PDB file of N, CA and C in Angstrom:
ATOM      1  N   MET A   1      85.949 145.425 128.066  1.00  0.00           N
ATOM      2  CA  MET A   1      85.654 144.828 129.347  1.00  0.00           C
ATOM      3  C   MET A   1      86.887 144.930 130.234  1.00  0.00           C
ATOM      4  N   GLN A   2      86.672 145.360 131.459  1.00  0.00           N
ATOM      5  CA  GLN A   2      87.777 145.522 132.389  1.00  0.00           C
ATOM      6  C   GLN A   2      88.085 144.186 133.064  1.00  0.00           C
ATOM      7  N   ALA A   3      89.366 143.944 133.311  1.00  0.00           N
ATOM      8  CA  ALA A   3      89.790 142.689 133.937  1.00  0.00           C
ATOM      9  C   ALA A   3      89.329 142.644 135.386  1.00  0.00           C
ATOM     10  N   VAL A   4      88.853 141.482 135.780  1.00  0.00           N
ATOM     11  CA  VAL A   4      88.437 141.260 137.158  1.00  0.00           C
ATOM     12  C   VAL A   4      89.192 140.048 137.667  1.00  0.00           C
ATOM     13  N   ALA A   5      89.948 140.232 138.717  1.00  0.00           N
ATOM     14  CA  ALA A   5      90.681 139.113 139.310  1.00  0.00           C
ATOM     15  C   ALA A   5      89.922 138.639 140.541  1.00  0.00           C
ATOM     16  N   LEU A   6      89.636 137.363 140.569  1.00  0.00           N
ATOM     17  CA  LEU A   6      88.969 136.792 141.733  1.00  0.00           C
ATOM     18  C   LEU A   6      89.997 136.514 142.817  1.00  0.00           C
ATOM     19  N   PRO A   7      89.629 136.693 144.076  1.00  0.00           N
ATOM     20  CA  PRO A   7      90.550 136.329 145.158  1.00  0.00           C
ATOM     21  C   PRO A   7      90.884 134.839 145.089  1.00  0.00           C
ATOM     22  N   GLU A   8      92.093 134.496 145.508  1.00  0.00           N
ATOM     23  CA  GLU A   8      92.540 133.095 145.443  1.00  0.00           C
ATOM     24  C   GLU A   8      91.589 132.164 146.175  1.00  0.00           C
ATOM     25  N   GLU A   9      91.063 132.604 147.314  1.00  0.00           N
ATOM     26  CA  GLU A   9      90.167 131.754 148.097  1.00  0.00           C
ATOM     27  C   GLU A   9      88.903 131.414 147.309  1.00  0.00           C
ATOM     28  N   ILE A  10      88.399 132.367 146.532  1.00  0.00           N
ATOM     29  CA  ILE A  10      87.217 132.116 145.704  1.00  0.00           C
ATOM     30  C   ILE A  10      87.566 131.151 144.576  1.00  0.00           C
ATOM     31  N   CYS A  11      88.731 131.325 143.983  1.00  0.00           N
ATOM     32  CA  CYS A  11      89.185 130.407 142.928  1.00  0.00           C
ATOM     33  C   CYS A  11      89.275 128.991 143.464  1.00  0.00           C
ATOM     34  N   TRP A  12      89.843 128.849 144.650  1.00  0.00           N
ATOM     35  CA  TRP A  12      89.983 127.514 145.245  1.00  0.00           C
ATOM     36  C   TRP A  12      88.624 126.914 145.564  1.00  0.00           C
ATOM     37  N   LEU A  13      87.714 127.737 146.067  1.00  0.00           N
ATOM     38  CA  LEU A  13      86.379 127.249 146.380  1.00  0.00           C
ATOM     39  C   LEU A  13      85.663 126.763 145.121  1.00  0.00           C
ATOM     40  N   LEU A  14      85.729 127.539 144.056  1.00  0.00           N
ATOM     41  CA  LEU A  14      85.112 127.131 142.791  1.00  0.00           C
ATOM     42  C   LEU A  14      85.733 125.843 142.270  1.00  0.00           C
ATOM     43  N   GLU A  15      87.041 125.775 142.323  1.00  0.00           N
ATOM     44  CA  GLU A  15      87.759 124.598 141.833  1.00  0.00           C
ATOM     45  C   GLU A  15      87.415 123.360 142.654  1.00  0.00           C
ATOM     46  N   ASP A  16      87.446 123.491 143.977  1.00  0.00           N
ATOM     47  CA  ASP A  16      87.141 122.355 144.846  1.00  0.00           C
ATOM     48  C   ASP A  16      85.696 121.900 144.679  1.00  0.00           C
ATOM     49  N   THR A  17      84.791 122.843 144.538  1.00  0.00           N
ATOM     50  CA  THR A  17      83.378 122.505 144.360  1.00  0.00           C
ATOM     51  C   THR A  17      83.160 121.746 143.059  1.00  0.00           C
ATOM     52  N   GLU A  18      83.744 122.254 141.985  1.00  0.00           N
ATOM     53  CA  GLU A  18      83.601 121.577 140.696  1.00  0.00           C
ATOM     54  C   GLU A  18      84.231 120.186 140.739  1.00  0.00           C
ATOM     55  N   ASP A  19      85.422 120.065 141.321  1.00  0.00           N
ATOM     56  CA  ASP A  19      86.081 118.760 141.427  1.00  0.00           C
ATOM     57  C   ASP A  19      85.260 117.782 142.253  1.00  0.00           C
ATOM     58  N   PHE A  20      84.714 118.257 143.375  1.00  0.00           N
ATOM     59  CA  PHE A  20      83.933 117.374 144.239  1.00  0.00           C
ATOM     60  C   PHE A  20      82.684 116.876 143.520  1.00  0.00           C
ATOM     61  N   LEU A  21      81.992 117.777 142.842  1.00  0.00           N
ATOM     62  CA  LEU A  21      80.784 117.373 142.117  1.00  0.00           C
ATOM     63  C   LEU A  21      81.106 116.459 140.943  1.00  0.00           C
ATOM     64  N   ALA A  22      82.177 116.774 140.216  1.00  0.00           N
ATOM     65  CA  ALA A  22      82.516 116.003 139.018  1.00  0.00           C
ATOM     66  C   ALA A  22      83.121 114.651 139.358  1.00  0.00           C
ATOM     67  N   GLU A  23      84.005 114.614 140.344  1.00  0.00           N
ATOM     68  CA  GLU A  23      84.752 113.387 140.611  1.00  0.00           C
ATOM     69  C   GLU A  23      84.431 112.762 141.962  1.00  0.00           C
ATOM     70  N   GLY A  24      84.275 113.581 142.973  1.00  0.00           N
ATOM     71  CA  GLY A  24      84.027 113.063 144.316  1.00  0.00           C
ATOM     72  C   GLY A  24      82.696 112.345 144.434  1.00  0.00           C
ATOM     73  N   LEU A  25      81.700 112.815 143.712  1.00  0.00           N
ATOM     74  CA  LEU A  25      80.372 112.195 143.752  1.00  0.00           C
ATOM     75  C   LEU A  25      80.085 111.315 142.544  1.00  0.00           C
ATOM     76  N   GLN A  26      81.080 111.109 141.699  1.00  0.00           N
ATOM     77  CA  GLN A  26      80.864 110.379 140.450  1.00  0.00           C
ATOM     78  C   GLN A  26      80.352 108.962 140.681  1.00  0.00           C
ATOM     79  N   ASN A  27      80.915 108.244 141.619  1.00  0.00           N
ATOM     80  CA  ASN A  27      80.542 106.846 141.835  1.00  0.00           C
ATOM     81  C   ASN A  27      79.634 106.658 143.044  1.00  0.00           C
ATOM     82  N   GLU A  28      79.058 107.740 143.540  1.00  0.00           N
ATOM     83  CA  GLU A  28      78.156 107.648 144.684  1.00  0.00           C
ATOM     84  C   GLU A  28      76.758 107.248 144.222  1.00  0.00           C
ATOM     85  N   ASN A  29      76.046 106.602 145.110  1.00  0.00           N
ATOM     86  CA  ASN A  29      74.679 106.175 144.822  1.00  0.00           C
ATOM     87  C   ASN A  29      73.742 107.335 145.156  1.00  0.00           C
ATOM     88  N   LEU A  30      73.543 108.227 144.204  1.00  0.00           N
ATOM     89  CA  LEU A  30      72.713 109.408 144.406  1.00  0.00           C
ATOM     90  C   LEU A  30      71.291 109.143 143.928  1.00  0.00           C
ATOM     91  N   SER A  31      70.350 109.792 144.580  1.00  0.00           N
ATOM     92  CA  SER A  31      68.960 109.698 144.125  1.00  0.00           C
ATOM     93  C   SER A  31      68.852 110.375 142.761  1.00  0.00           C
ATOM     94  N   PRO A  32      67.817 110.049 142.004  1.00  0.00           N
ATOM     95  CA  PRO A  32      67.657 110.705 140.700  1.00  0.00           C
ATOM     96  C   PRO A  32      67.614 112.229 140.810  1.00  0.00           C
ATOM     97  N   GLY A  33      66.973 112.752 141.847  1.00  0.00           N
ATOM     98  CA  GLY A  33      66.919 114.199 142.033  1.00  0.00           C
ATOM     99  C   GLY A  33      68.289 114.789 142.307  1.00  0.00           C
ATOM    100  N   ALA A  34      69.075 114.100 143.134  1.00  0.00           N
ATOM    101  CA  ALA A  34      70.430 114.574 143.436  1.00  0.00           C
ATOM    102  C   ALA A  34      71.320 114.489 142.199  1.00  0.00           C
ATOM    103  N   GLN A  35      71.136 113.443 141.388  1.00  0.00           N
ATOM    104  CA  GLN A  35      71.903 113.330 140.142  1.00  0.00           C
ATOM    105  C   GLN A  35      71.577 114.486 139.204  1.00  0.00           C
ATOM    106  N   ASP A  36      70.293 114.837 139.117  1.00  0.00           N
ATOM    107  CA  ASP A  36      69.885 115.959 138.263  1.00  0.00           C
ATOM    108  C   ASP A  36      70.473 117.276 138.764  1.00  0.00           C
ATOM    109  N   GLN A  37      70.451 117.483 140.081  1.00  0.00           N
ATOM    110  CA  GLN A  37      71.015 118.711 140.644  1.00  0.00           C
ATOM    111  C   GLN A  37      72.513 118.781 140.403  1.00  0.00           C
ATOM    112  N   ARG A  38      73.198 117.653 140.579  1.00  0.00           N
ATOM    113  CA  ARG A  38      74.644 117.595 140.337  1.00  0.00           C
ATOM    114  C   ARG A  38      74.945 117.957 138.885  1.00  0.00           C
ATOM    115  N   ALA A  39      74.206 117.353 137.956  1.00  0.00           N
ATOM    116  CA  ALA A  39      74.415 117.619 136.529  1.00  0.00           C
ATOM    117  C   ALA A  39      74.103 119.082 136.199  1.00  0.00           C
ATOM    118  N   HIS A  40      73.056 119.620 136.798  1.00  0.00           N
ATOM    119  CA  HIS A  40      72.680 121.019 136.552  1.00  0.00           C
ATOM    120  C   HIS A  40      73.779 121.973 137.021  1.00  0.00           C
ATOM    121  N   ILE A  41      74.327 121.739 138.191  1.00  0.00           N
ATOM    122  CA  ILE A  41      75.396 122.598 138.719  1.00  0.00           C
ATOM    123  C   ILE A  41      76.649 122.482 137.863  1.00  0.00           C
ATOM    124  N   LEU A  42      76.999 121.264 137.450  1.00  0.00           N
ATOM    125  CA  LEU A  42      78.179 121.085 136.595  1.00  0.00           C
ATOM    126  C   LEU A  42      77.990 121.776 135.246  1.00  0.00           C
ATOM    127  N   ARG A  43      76.777 121.725 134.686  1.00  0.00           N
ATOM    128  CA  ARG A  43      76.500 122.462 133.440  1.00  0.00           C
ATOM    129  C   ARG A  43      76.662 123.959 133.665  1.00  0.00           C
ATOM    130  N   GLY A  44      76.268 124.435 134.837  1.00  0.00           N
ATOM    131  CA  GLY A  44      76.445 125.848 135.163  1.00  0.00           C
ATOM    132  C   GLY A  44      77.909 126.240 135.170  1.00  0.00           C
ATOM    133  N   PHE A  45      78.766 125.391 135.752  1.00  0.00           N
ATOM    134  CA  PHE A  45      80.206 125.650 135.722  1.00  0.00           C
ATOM    135  C   PHE A  45      80.697 125.722 134.276  1.00  0.00           C
ATOM    136  N   GLN A  46      80.252 124.785 133.434  1.00  0.00           N
ATOM    137  CA  GLN A  46      80.681 124.771 132.035  1.00  0.00           C
ATOM    138  C   GLN A  46      80.205 126.016 131.300  1.00  0.00           C
ATOM    139  N   GLN A  47      78.980 126.448 131.560  1.00  0.00           N
ATOM    140  CA  GLN A  47      78.453 127.643 130.903  1.00  0.00           C
ATOM    141  C   GLN A  47      79.220 128.890 131.324  1.00  0.00           C
ATOM    142  N   ILE A  48      79.535 128.995 132.595  1.00  0.00           N
ATOM    143  CA  ILE A  48      80.301 130.148 133.070  1.00  0.00           C
ATOM    144  C   ILE A  48      81.671 130.167 132.418  1.00  0.00           C
ATOM    145  N   LYS A  49      82.313 129.005 132.369  1.00  0.00           N
ATOM    146  CA  LYS A  49      83.646 128.937 131.763  1.00  0.00           C
ATOM    147  C   LYS A  49      83.604 129.287 130.278  1.00  0.00           C
ATOM    148  N   SER A  50      82.564 128.842 129.574  1.00  0.00           N
ATOM    149  CA  SER A  50      82.514 129.102 128.137  1.00  0.00           C
ATOM    150  C   SER A  50      82.065 130.522 127.811  1.00  0.00           C
ATOM    151  N   SER A  51      81.367 131.181 128.723  1.00  0.00           N
ATOM    152  CA  SER A  51      80.883 132.530 128.442  1.00  0.00           C
ATOM    153  C   SER A  51      81.849 133.621 128.888  1.00  0.00           C
ATOM    154  N   CYS A  52      82.882 133.256 129.601  1.00  0.00           N
ATOM    155  CA  CYS A  52      83.874 134.217 130.085  1.00  0.00           C
ATOM    156  C   CYS A  52      85.231 133.849 129.509  1.00  0.00           C
ATOM    157  N   ILE A  53      86.080 134.835 129.405  1.00  0.00           N
ATOM    158  CA  ILE A  53      87.461 134.555 129.020  1.00  0.00           C
ATOM    159  C   ILE A  53      88.161 134.069 130.276  1.00  0.00           C
ATOM    160  N   ILE A  54      88.641 132.850 130.229  1.00  0.00           N
ATOM    161  CA  ILE A  54      89.276 132.276 131.409  1.00  0.00           C
ATOM    162  C   ILE A  54      90.709 131.916 131.078  1.00  0.00           C
ATOM    163  N   VAL A  55      91.596 132.346 131.909  1.00  0.00           N
ATOM    164  CA  VAL A  55      92.993 131.992 131.770  1.00  0.00           C
ATOM    165  C   VAL A  55      93.257 130.860 132.750  1.00  0.00           C
ATOM    166  N   LEU A  56      93.609 129.702 132.201  1.00  0.00           N
ATOM    167  CA  LEU A  56      93.922 128.569 133.061  1.00  0.00           C
ATOM    168  C   LEU A  56      95.411 128.577 133.352  1.00  0.00           C
ATOM    169  N   GLU A  57      95.724 128.635 134.616  1.00  0.00           N
ATOM    170  CA  GLU A  57      97.118 128.599 135.007  1.00  0.00           C
ATOM    171  C   GLU A  57      97.220 127.862 136.325  1.00  0.00           C
ATOM    172  N   ASN A  58      98.378 127.286 136.581  1.00  0.00           N
ATOM    173  CA  ASN A  58      98.568 126.565 137.827  1.00  0.00           C
ATOM    174  C   ASN A  58      98.455 127.530 138.991  1.00  0.00           C
ATOM    175  N   VAL A  59      97.703 127.116 139.972  1.00  0.00           N
ATOM    176  CA  VAL A  59      97.543 127.910 141.182  1.00  0.00           C
ATOM    177  C   VAL A  59      98.156 127.120 142.325  1.00  0.00           C
ATOM    178  N   PRO A  60      99.135 127.685 143.037  1.00  0.00           N
ATOM    179  CA  PRO A  60      99.696 126.966 144.174  1.00  0.00           C
ATOM    180  C   PRO A  60      98.618 126.749 145.227  1.00  0.00           C
ATOM    181  N   ARG A  61      98.515 125.545 145.709  1.00  0.00           N
ATOM    182  CA  ARG A  61      97.461 125.181 146.644  1.00  0.00           C
ATOM    183  C   ARG A  61      97.973 125.191 148.071  1.00  0.00           C
ATOM    184  N   ARG A  62      97.186 125.777 148.964  1.00  0.00           N
ATOM    185  CA  ARG A  62      97.520 125.733 150.384  1.00  0.00           C
ATOM    186  C   ARG A  62      96.783 124.602 151.076  1.00  0.00           C
ATOM    187  N   ASP A  63      95.647 124.221 150.541  1.00  0.00           N
ATOM    188  CA  ASP A  63      94.883 123.146 151.168  1.00  0.00           C
ATOM    189  C   ASP A  63      94.657 122.039 150.150  1.00  0.00           C
ATOM    190  N   TYR A  64      94.814 120.832 150.587  1.00  0.00           N
ATOM    191  CA  TYR A  64      94.634 119.685 149.693  1.00  0.00           C
ATOM    192  C   TYR A  64      93.536 118.774 150.218  1.00  0.00           C
ATOM    193  N   ILE A  65      92.552 119.351 150.886  1.00  0.00           N
ATOM    194  CA  ILE A  65      91.490 118.558 151.489  1.00  0.00           C
ATOM    195  C   ILE A  65      90.741 117.750 150.433  1.00  0.00           C
ATOM    196  N   LEU A  66      90.388 118.379 149.323  1.00  0.00           N
ATOM    197  CA  LEU A  66      89.639 117.687 148.275  1.00  0.00           C
ATOM    198  C   LEU A  66      90.506 117.375 147.069  1.00  0.00           C
ATOM    199  N   HIS A  67      91.828 117.431 147.244  1.00  0.00           N
ATOM    200  CA  HIS A  67      92.738 117.156 146.126  1.00  0.00           C
ATOM    201  C   HIS A  67      92.566 115.707 145.702  1.00  0.00           C
ATOM    202  N   ILE A  68      92.289 115.495 144.430  1.00  0.00           N
ATOM    203  CA  ILE A  68      92.012 114.147 143.928  1.00  0.00           C
ATOM    204  C   ILE A  68      93.165 113.620 143.090  1.00  0.00           C
ATOM    205  N   GLY A  69      94.229 114.360 142.949  1.00  0.00           N
ATOM    206  CA  GLY A  69      95.398 113.879 142.244  1.00  0.00           C
ATOM    207  C   GLY A  69      95.511 114.329 140.808  1.00  0.00           C
ATOM    208  N   GLN A  70      94.642 115.201 140.369  1.00  0.00           N
ATOM    209  CA  GLN A  70      94.742 115.700 139.009  1.00  0.00           C
ATOM    210  C   GLN A  70      95.388 117.069 139.025  1.00  0.00           C
ATOM    211  N   LYS A  71      95.880 117.469 137.864  1.00  0.00           N
ATOM    212  CA  LYS A  71      96.477 118.790 137.733  1.00  0.00           C
ATOM    213  C   LYS A  71      95.398 119.833 138.003  1.00  0.00           C
ATOM    214  N   LYS A  72      95.712 120.777 138.866  1.00  0.00           N
ATOM    215  CA  LYS A  72      94.735 121.783 139.260  1.00  0.00           C
ATOM    216  C   LYS A  72      94.931 123.054 138.462  1.00  0.00           C
ATOM    217  N   TYR A  73      93.841 123.675 138.073  1.00  0.00           N
ATOM    218  CA  TYR A  73      93.864 124.940 137.359  1.00  0.00           C
ATOM    219  C   TYR A  73      93.005 125.935 138.109  1.00  0.00           C
ATOM    220  N   GLY A  74      93.434 127.156 138.118  1.00  0.00           N
ATOM    221  CA  GLY A  74      92.676 128.190 138.800  1.00  0.00           C
ATOM    222  C   GLY A  74      91.754 128.923 137.853  1.00  0.00           C
ATOM    223  N   TRP A  75      90.797 129.592 138.415  1.00  0.00           N
ATOM    224  CA  TRP A  75      89.867 130.415 137.659  1.00  0.00           C
ATOM    225  C   TRP A  75      90.365 131.840 137.729  1.00  0.00           C
ATOM    226  N   GLN A  76      90.441 132.486 136.606  1.00  0.00           N
ATOM    227  CA  GLN A  76      90.767 133.906 136.577  1.00  0.00           C
ATOM    228  C   GLN A  76      89.996 134.526 135.432  1.00  0.00           C
ATOM    229  N   PHE A  77      89.135 135.456 135.735  1.00  0.00           N
ATOM    230  CA  PHE A  77      88.303 136.092 134.720  1.00  0.00           C
ATOM    231  C   PHE A  77      88.954 137.380 134.266  1.00  0.00           C
ATOM    232  N   LEU A  78      88.984 137.592 132.949  1.00  0.00           N
ATOM    233  CA  LEU A  78      89.540 138.824 132.387  1.00  0.00           C
ATOM    234  C   LEU A  78      88.413 139.707 131.890  1.00  0.00           C
TER     235      LEU A  78
END
């Protein structure tokens, strides 16, 4: 399998989306349908991560709009 590097902007988008769904909406009063959709999308992130070889490494951040204070890791597919 040939290595594929995702652009940094895509890595940040994936990271911010996963963080927002996992933590940003964690204590929100969501409808049952929205809770199911949130859980389904988060499972999709987990499946993608487990089915691909992912190298977790610190990615310098240019935007901290959705930064929640946890150590950030970038997505890089090999």
